[in-house]
């Protein structure tokens, strides 16, 4: 089990390395280089004119409220295709946000989180396959970075995308190792409610946060 010993860099190295179920040494080293946690809450629509238009929107209906996401199909076509396919199949219905870190991000998409009996394994599940990253560090999207409201894929290393994703609660200087494929267009207050939900020392919400239904709109 993970323990949060303080609010300093040591504790954040522990949970920052765990955006996915397995620690990432590369990610922890990157955090060391960028320093303390950022808490900027710039508008999630800032610099949208520099970002390519999306083709789909997705509505996450949760027990904390709704979150509407626009998907960046021009920037990450394979990632968006995968996300839409899973959403339309009902894959995400009943999935929990299993990791919540206030001032950083909320993470979900693990099918194992539908089953309380599998709670020890939450954060390790996926759709049964993996696919490649779609990351262009030189693009406007990645120069803008992982801002509040950004939707990105969680992974356990390069080219290990599956079904898990995270939504940024605040601006954070992550390295460009996670495919960005969308952003919140409405319901950021729901993200705030989820992020403000008390968690245990493993960053699991005390009050469960469930995606009751995910709907795709073209």
C-alpha atoms as a PDB file:
ATOM      1  CA  UNK A   1       0.000   0.000   0.000  1.00  0.00           C
ATOM      2  CA  UNK A   2       1.135   3.510  -0.698  1.00  0.00           C
ATOM      3  CA  UNK A   3       1.537   6.031   2.082  1.00  0.00           C
ATOM      4  CA  UNK A   4       1.519   9.804   1.752  1.00  0.00           C
ATOM      5  CA  UNK A   5       4.049  10.966   4.293  1.00  0.00           C
ATOM      6  CA  UNK A   6       3.910  14.708   3.748  1.00  0.00           C
ATOM      7  CA  UNK A   7       2.690  17.417   1.405  1.00  0.00           C
ATOM      8  CA  UNK A   8       6.175  17.980   0.063  1.00  0.00           C
ATOM      9  CA  UNK A   9       7.971  16.649  -2.997  1.00  0.00           C
ATOM     10  CA  UNK A  10       8.493  13.193  -1.462  1.00  0.00           C
ATOM     11  CA  UNK A  11       4.781  12.469  -1.207  1.00  0.00           C
ATOM     12  CA  UNK A  12       3.985  13.825  -4.650  1.00  0.00           C
ATOM     13  CA  UNK A  13       6.752  11.720  -6.170  1.00  0.00           C
ATOM     14  CA  UNK A  14       4.905   8.693  -4.805  1.00  0.00           C
ATOM     15  CA  UNK A  15       1.470   9.422  -6.238  1.00  0.00           C
ATOM     16  CA  UNK A  16       2.709  11.315  -9.296  1.00  0.00           C
ATOM     17  CA  UNK A  17       4.494   8.158 -10.386  1.00  0.00           C
ATOM     18  CA  UNK A  18       1.166   6.363 -10.153  1.00  0.00           C
ATOM     19  CA  UNK A  19      -1.010   8.017 -12.816  1.00  0.00           C
ATOM     20  CA  UNK A  20      -1.441   4.392 -13.837  1.00  0.00           C
ATOM     21  CA  UNK A  21      -1.431   1.224 -11.772  1.00  0.00           C
ATOM     22  CA  UNK A  22       2.348   0.725 -12.040  1.00  0.00           C
ATOM     23  CA  UNK A  23       4.979   3.227 -10.938  1.00  0.00           C
ATOM     24  CA  UNK A  24       6.868   4.934 -13.757  1.00  0.00           C
ATOM     25  CA  UNK A  25      10.472   5.787 -12.921  1.00  0.00           C
ATOM     26  CA  UNK A  26      10.650   8.078 -15.935  1.00  0.00           C
ATOM     27  CA  UNK A  27       7.614  10.019 -14.736  1.00  0.00           C
ATOM     28  CA  UNK A  28       8.996  10.398 -11.228  1.00  0.00           C
ATOM     29  CA  UNK A  29      12.280  11.720 -12.620  1.00  0.00           C
ATOM     30  CA  UNK A  30      10.360  14.185 -14.771  1.00  0.00           C
ATOM     31  CA  UNK A  31       8.493  15.436 -11.720  1.00  0.00           C
ATOM     32  CA  UNK A  32      11.773  16.021  -9.892  1.00  0.00           C
ATOM     33  CA  UNK A  33      12.872  18.264 -12.734  1.00  0.00           C
ATOM     34  CA  UNK A  34       9.713  20.372 -12.840  1.00  0.00           C
ATOM     35  CA  UNK A  35       9.362  20.966  -9.103  1.00  0.00           C
ATOM     36  CA  UNK A  36       6.286  21.523  -6.983  1.00  0.00           C
ATOM     37  CA  UNK A  37       2.659  20.947  -7.875  1.00  0.00           C
ATOM     38  CA  UNK A  38       1.038  23.682  -9.947  1.00  0.00           C
ATOM     39  CA  UNK A  39      -2.372  25.005  -8.969  1.00  0.00           C
ATOM     40  CA  UNK A  40      -3.143  27.467 -11.756  1.00  0.00           C
ATOM     41  CA  UNK A  41      -6.771  27.413 -12.878  1.00  0.00           C
ATOM     42  CA  UNK A  42      -6.605  29.195 -16.232  1.00  0.00           C
ATOM     43  CA  UNK A  43      -9.636  28.967 -18.464  1.00  0.00           C
ATOM     44  CA  UNK A  44      -9.949  25.576 -20.092  1.00  0.00           C
ATOM     45  CA  UNK A  45     -10.759  27.310 -23.385  1.00  0.00           C
ATOM     46  CA  UNK A  46      -7.584  29.418 -23.434  1.00  0.00           C
ATOM     47  CA  UNK A  47      -5.744  29.219 -26.774  1.00  0.00           C
ATOM     48  CA  UNK A  48      -8.457  27.028 -28.262  1.00  0.00           C
ATOM     49  CA  UNK A  49      -7.910  28.860 -31.544  1.00  0.00           C
ATOM     50  CA  UNK A  50      -4.523  27.166 -31.746  1.00  0.00           C
ATOM     51  CA  UNK A  51      -5.991  23.707 -31.280  1.00  0.00           C
ATOM     52  CA  UNK A  52      -7.457  21.721 -34.142  1.00  0.00           C
ATOM     53  CA  UNK A  53     -11.205  21.270 -34.135  1.00  0.00           C
ATOM     54  CA  UNK A  54     -12.761  18.081 -32.815  1.00  0.00           C
ATOM     55  CA  UNK A  55     -15.417  15.907 -34.430  1.00  0.00           C
ATOM     56  CA  UNK A  56     -17.182  14.322 -31.475  1.00  0.00           C
ATOM     57  CA  UNK A  57     -18.336  15.231 -28.015  1.00  0.00           C
ATOM     58  CA  UNK A  58     -18.883  12.785 -25.181  1.00  0.00           C
ATOM     59  CA  UNK A  59     -21.135  13.204 -22.166  1.00  0.00           C
ATOM     60  CA  UNK A  60     -20.041  11.516 -18.943  1.00  0.00           C
ATOM     61  CA  UNK A  61     -23.015  11.110 -16.633  1.00  0.00           C
ATOM     62  CA  UNK A  62     -21.639  10.534 -13.145  1.00  0.00           C
ATOM     63  CA  UNK A  63     -23.200  10.339  -9.700  1.00  0.00           C
ATOM     64  CA  UNK A  64     -21.481  13.701  -9.019  1.00  0.00           C
ATOM     65  CA  UNK A  65     -22.897  15.401 -12.109  1.00  0.00           C
ATOM     66  CA  UNK A  66     -22.237  15.565 -15.842  1.00  0.00           C
ATOM     67  CA  UNK A  67     -18.990  16.282 -17.699  1.00  0.00           C
ATOM     68  CA  UNK A  68     -19.039  17.102 -21.408  1.00  0.00           C
ATOM     69  CA  UNK A  69     -15.857  16.485 -23.384  1.00  0.00           C
ATOM     70  CA  UNK A  70     -14.905  17.528 -26.881  1.00  0.00           C
ATOM     71  CA  UNK A  71     -12.612  15.040 -28.631  1.00  0.00           C
ATOM     72  CA  UNK A  72      -9.643  16.137 -30.721  1.00  0.00           C
ATOM     73  CA  UNK A  73      -9.988  13.768 -33.633  1.00  0.00           C
ATOM     74  CA  UNK A  74      -7.585  15.711 -35.842  1.00  0.00           C
ATOM     75  CA  UNK A  75      -4.798  15.505 -33.262  1.00  0.00           C
ATOM     76  CA  UNK A  76      -5.312  11.946 -32.019  1.00  0.00           C
ATOM     77  CA  UNK A  77      -7.533  10.030 -34.491  1.00  0.00           C
ATOM     78  CA  UNK A  78      -6.722   6.503 -33.283  1.00  0.00           C
ATOM     79  CA  UNK A  79      -7.139   7.469 -29.633  1.00  0.00           C
ATOM     80  CA  UNK A  80     -10.463   9.169 -30.291  1.00  0.00           C
ATOM     81  CA  UNK A  81     -11.629   6.220 -32.403  1.00  0.00           C
ATOM     82  CA  UNK A  82     -10.802   3.835 -29.560  1.00  0.00           C
ATOM     83  CA  UNK A  83     -12.480   6.002 -26.914  1.00  0.00           C
ATOM     84  CA  UNK A  84     -15.647   6.409 -28.986  1.00  0.00           C
ATOM     85  CA  UNK A  85     -15.780   2.690 -29.780  1.00  0.00           C
ATOM     86  CA  UNK A  86     -15.516   1.764 -26.100  1.00  0.00           C
ATOM     87  CA  UNK A  87     -18.033   4.408 -25.064  1.00  0.00           C
ATOM     88  CA  UNK A  88     -20.592   3.318 -27.652  1.00  0.00           C
ATOM     89  CA  UNK A  89     -20.236  -0.320 -26.588  1.00  0.00           C
ATOM     90  CA  UNK A  90     -21.072   0.541 -22.967  1.00  0.00           C
ATOM     91  CA  UNK A  91     -17.552  -0.364 -21.828  1.00  0.00           C
ATOM     92  CA  UNK A  92     -17.299   2.686 -19.558  1.00  0.00           C
ATOM     93  CA  UNK A  93     -20.781   2.446 -18.047  1.00  0.00           C
ATOM     94  CA  UNK A  94     -20.371   1.579 -14.368  1.00  0.00           C
ATOM     95  CA  UNK A  95     -16.632   2.294 -14.290  1.00  0.00           C
ATOM     96  CA  UNK A  96     -15.379   4.239 -11.256  1.00  0.00           C
ATOM     97  CA  UNK A  97     -12.877   7.070 -11.000  1.00  0.00           C
ATOM     98  CA  UNK A  98     -10.434   4.993  -8.981  1.00  0.00           C
ATOM     99  CA  UNK A  99      -7.719   7.613  -8.433  1.00  0.00           C
ATOM    100  CA  UNK A 100      -8.382  11.224  -7.480  1.00  0.00           C
ATOM    101  CA  UNK A 101      -5.673  13.774  -6.624  1.00  0.00           C
ATOM    102  CA  UNK A 102      -6.927  17.245  -5.830  1.00  0.00           C
ATOM    103  CA  UNK A 103      -4.942  19.931  -7.639  1.00  0.00           C
ATOM    104  CA  UNK A 104      -3.727  17.386 -10.187  1.00  0.00           C
ATOM    105  CA  UNK A 105      -6.150  15.029 -11.958  1.00  0.00           C
ATOM    106  CA  UNK A 106      -8.969  12.480 -11.734  1.00  0.00           C
ATOM    107  CA  UNK A 107      -8.421   9.063 -13.333  1.00  0.00           C
ATOM    108  CA  UNK A 108     -10.828   6.381 -14.509  1.00  0.00           C
ATOM    109  CA  UNK A 109     -11.515   3.938 -17.303  1.00  0.00           C
ATOM    110  CA  UNK A 110     -10.425   0.674 -15.655  1.00  0.00           C
ATOM    111  CA  UNK A 111     -13.099  -2.000 -16.241  1.00  0.00           C
ATOM    112  CA  UNK A 112     -11.953  -3.815 -13.102  1.00  0.00           C
ATOM    113  CA  UNK A 113     -13.287  -0.889 -11.079  1.00  0.00           C
ATOM    114  CA  UNK A 114     -16.829  -2.046 -11.835  1.00  0.00           C
ATOM    115  CA  UNK A 115     -16.254  -4.933  -9.433  1.00  0.00           C
ATOM    116  CA  UNK A 116     -15.704  -4.202  -5.722  1.00  0.00           C
ATOM    117  CA  UNK A 117     -14.209  -7.673  -5.331  1.00  0.00           C
ATOM    118  CA  UNK A 118     -11.407  -6.604  -7.688  1.00  0.00           C
ATOM    119  CA  UNK A 119     -10.571  -3.424  -5.735  1.00  0.00           C
ATOM    120  CA  UNK A 120      -6.998  -4.524  -5.023  1.00  0.00           C
ATOM    121  CA  UNK A 121      -6.365  -4.569  -8.779  1.00  0.00           C
ATOM    122  CA  UNK A 122      -8.031  -1.271  -9.686  1.00  0.00           C
ATOM    123  CA  UNK A 123      -5.725   0.744 -11.900  1.00  0.00           C
ATOM    124  CA  UNK A 124      -4.276  -2.298 -13.684  1.00  0.00           C
ATOM    125  CA  UNK A 125      -7.112  -3.205 -16.052  1.00  0.00           C
ATOM    126  CA  UNK A 126      -7.806  -2.421 -19.678  1.00  0.00           C
ATOM    127  CA  UNK A 127      -9.696  -3.545 -22.784  1.00  0.00           C
ATOM    128  CA  UNK A 128      -7.397  -6.502 -23.508  1.00  0.00           C
ATOM    129  CA  UNK A 129      -5.160  -4.718 -26.010  1.00  0.00           C
ATOM    130  CA  UNK A 130      -2.769  -1.763 -26.208  1.00  0.00           C
ATOM    131  CA  UNK A 131      -2.124   0.830 -28.893  1.00  0.00           C
ATOM    132  CA  UNK A 132       0.459   3.455 -29.802  1.00  0.00           C
ATOM    133  CA  UNK A 133       0.787   7.020 -28.524  1.00  0.00           C
ATOM    134  CA  UNK A 134      -0.212   9.960 -30.736  1.00  0.00           C
ATOM    135  CA  UNK A 135       2.060  12.689 -29.394  1.00  0.00           C
ATOM    136  CA  UNK A 136       3.674  15.591 -31.244  1.00  0.00           C
ATOM    137  CA  UNK A 137       5.672  17.620 -28.680  1.00  0.00           C
ATOM    138  CA  UNK A 138       6.214  20.388 -31.251  1.00  0.00           C
ATOM    139  CA  UNK A 139       2.483  20.939 -31.850  1.00  0.00           C
ATOM    140  CA  UNK A 140       0.413  23.772 -30.380  1.00  0.00           C
ATOM    141  CA  UNK A 141      -1.519  21.192 -28.377  1.00  0.00           C
ATOM    142  CA  UNK A 142       1.515  19.961 -26.457  1.00  0.00           C
ATOM    143  CA  UNK A 143       3.107  23.386 -26.201  1.00  0.00           C
ATOM    144  CA  UNK A 144      -0.049  24.443 -24.377  1.00  0.00           C
ATOM    145  CA  UNK A 145       0.340  21.310 -22.275  1.00  0.00           C
ATOM    146  CA  UNK A 146      -1.668  19.568 -19.596  1.00  0.00           C
ATOM    147  CA  UNK A 147      -3.968  22.388 -18.543  1.00  0.00           C
ATOM    148  CA  UNK A 148      -7.056  22.302 -16.370  1.00  0.00           C
ATOM    149  CA  UNK A 149      -9.785  20.375 -18.184  1.00  0.00           C
ATOM    150  CA  UNK A 150      -7.477  18.480 -20.560  1.00  0.00           C
ATOM    151  CA  UNK A 151      -8.393  14.837 -21.290  1.00  0.00           C
ATOM    152  CA  UNK A 152      -5.462  12.440 -21.817  1.00  0.00           C
ATOM    153  CA  UNK A 153      -4.666   8.756 -21.838  1.00  0.00           C
ATOM    154  CA  UNK A 154      -3.102   7.089 -18.816  1.00  0.00           C
ATOM    155  CA  UNK A 155      -0.420   4.521 -19.538  1.00  0.00           C
ATOM    156  CA  UNK A 156       2.321   2.349 -18.039  1.00  0.00           C
ATOM    157  CA  UNK A 157       4.988   3.486 -20.494  1.00  0.00           C
ATOM    158  CA  UNK A 158       5.321   4.354 -24.178  1.00  0.00           C
ATOM    159  CA  UNK A 159       2.663   2.890 -26.494  1.00  0.00           C
ATOM    160  CA  UNK A 160       0.673   1.138 -23.764  1.00  0.00           C
ATOM    161  CA  UNK A 161      -2.662   2.926 -24.163  1.00  0.00           C
ATOM    162  CA  UNK A 162      -5.825   0.978 -23.467  1.00  0.00           C
ATOM    163  CA  UNK A 163      -8.948   2.379 -21.821  1.00  0.00           C
ATOM    164  CA  UNK A 164      -7.745   4.362 -18.802  1.00  0.00           C
ATOM    165  CA  UNK A 165      -7.811   8.138 -19.025  1.00  0.00           C
ATOM    166  CA  UNK A 166      -7.459  11.180 -16.802  1.00  0.00           C
ATOM    167  CA  UNK A 167      -8.919  14.684 -16.681  1.00  0.00           C
ATOM    168  CA  UNK A 168      -6.721  17.460 -15.375  1.00  0.00           C
ATOM    169  CA  UNK A 169      -8.093  19.231 -12.296  1.00  0.00           C
ATOM    170  CA  UNK A 170      -5.420  21.940 -12.493  1.00  0.00           C
ATOM    171  CA  UNK A 171      -2.592  23.035 -14.764  1.00  0.00           C
ATOM    172  CA  UNK A 172       0.358  20.696 -14.266  1.00  0.00           C
ATOM    173  CA  UNK A 173       3.778  20.577 -15.993  1.00  0.00           C
ATOM    174  CA  UNK A 174       3.643  16.950 -17.119  1.00  0.00           C
ATOM    175  CA  UNK A 175       6.134  15.831 -19.768  1.00  0.00           C
ATOM    176  CA  UNK A 176       4.571  15.057 -23.174  1.00  0.00           C
ATOM    177  CA  UNK A 177       4.246  11.341 -22.432  1.00  0.00           C
ATOM    178  CA  UNK A 178       0.459  11.085 -22.394  1.00  0.00           C
ATOM    179  CA  UNK A 179      -1.712  11.377 -25.491  1.00  0.00           C
ATOM    180  CA  UNK A 180      -4.007  14.405 -25.246  1.00  0.00           C
ATOM    181  CA  UNK A 181      -7.261  13.714 -27.069  1.00  0.00           C
ATOM    182  CA  UNK A 182      -9.886  16.026 -25.627  1.00  0.00           C
ATOM    183  CA  UNK A 183     -10.909  18.694 -23.150  1.00  0.00           C
ATOM    184  CA  UNK A 184     -13.816  19.602 -20.902  1.00  0.00           C
ATOM    185  CA  UNK A 185     -16.279  22.005 -22.531  1.00  0.00           C
ATOM    186  CA  UNK A 186     -18.864  21.981 -19.746  1.00  0.00           C
ATOM    187  CA  UNK A 187     -19.138  20.451 -16.306  1.00  0.00           C
ATOM    188  CA  UNK A 188     -15.759  21.532 -14.969  1.00  0.00           C
ATOM    189  CA  UNK A 189     -17.595  22.113 -11.685  1.00  0.00           C
ATOM    190  CA  UNK A 190     -18.256  18.354 -11.618  1.00  0.00           C
ATOM    191  CA  UNK A 191     -14.529  17.728 -12.009  1.00  0.00           C
ATOM    192  CA  UNK A 192     -14.035  20.059  -9.028  1.00  0.00           C
ATOM    193  CA  UNK A 193     -16.589  18.137  -6.955  1.00  0.00           C
ATOM    194  CA  UNK A 194     -14.877  14.856  -7.730  1.00  0.00           C
ATOM    195  CA  UNK A 195     -11.415  16.272  -7.035  1.00  0.00           C
ATOM    196  CA  UNK A 196     -12.582  17.723  -3.711  1.00  0.00           C
ATOM    197  CA  UNK A 197     -13.991  14.368  -2.623  1.00  0.00           C
ATOM    198  CA  UNK A 198     -11.895  13.068   0.326  1.00  0.00           C
ATOM    199  CA  UNK A 199      -9.590  10.174  -0.527  1.00  0.00           C
ATOM    200  CA  UNK A 200      -7.660   7.491   1.346  1.00  0.00           C
ATOM    201  CA  UNK A 201      -3.873   7.284   1.399  1.00  0.00           C
ATOM    202  CA  UNK A 202      -3.944   5.454  -1.952  1.00  0.00           C
ATOM    203  CA  UNK A 203      -5.816   8.379  -3.584  1.00  0.00           C
ATOM    204  CA  UNK A 204      -9.024   6.355  -3.824  1.00  0.00           C
ATOM    205  CA  UNK A 205     -12.205   8.383  -3.264  1.00  0.00           C
ATOM    206  CA  UNK A 206     -13.936   7.717   0.061  1.00  0.00           C
ATOM    207  CA  UNK A 207     -17.295   8.266  -1.617  1.00  0.00           C
ATOM    208  CA  UNK A 208     -17.301   6.275  -4.825  1.00  0.00           C
ATOM    209  CA  UNK A 209     -17.422   8.194  -8.106  1.00  0.00           C
ATOM    210  CA  UNK A 210     -19.177   6.234 -10.852  1.00  0.00           C
ATOM    211  CA  UNK A 211     -19.609   6.874 -14.565  1.00  0.00           C
ATOM    212  CA  UNK A 212     -23.238   5.843 -14.781  1.00  0.00           C
ATOM    213  CA  UNK A 213     -23.461   6.386 -18.541  1.00  0.00           C
ATOM    214  CA  UNK A 214     -21.192   7.656 -21.308  1.00  0.00           C
ATOM    215  CA  UNK A 215     -22.903   9.020 -24.409  1.00  0.00           C
ATOM    216  CA  UNK A 216     -21.258   9.973 -27.710  1.00  0.00           C
ATOM    217  CA  UNK A 217     -22.603  12.871 -29.743  1.00  0.00           C
ATOM    218  CA  UNK A 218     -21.472  13.408 -33.348  1.00  0.00           C
END
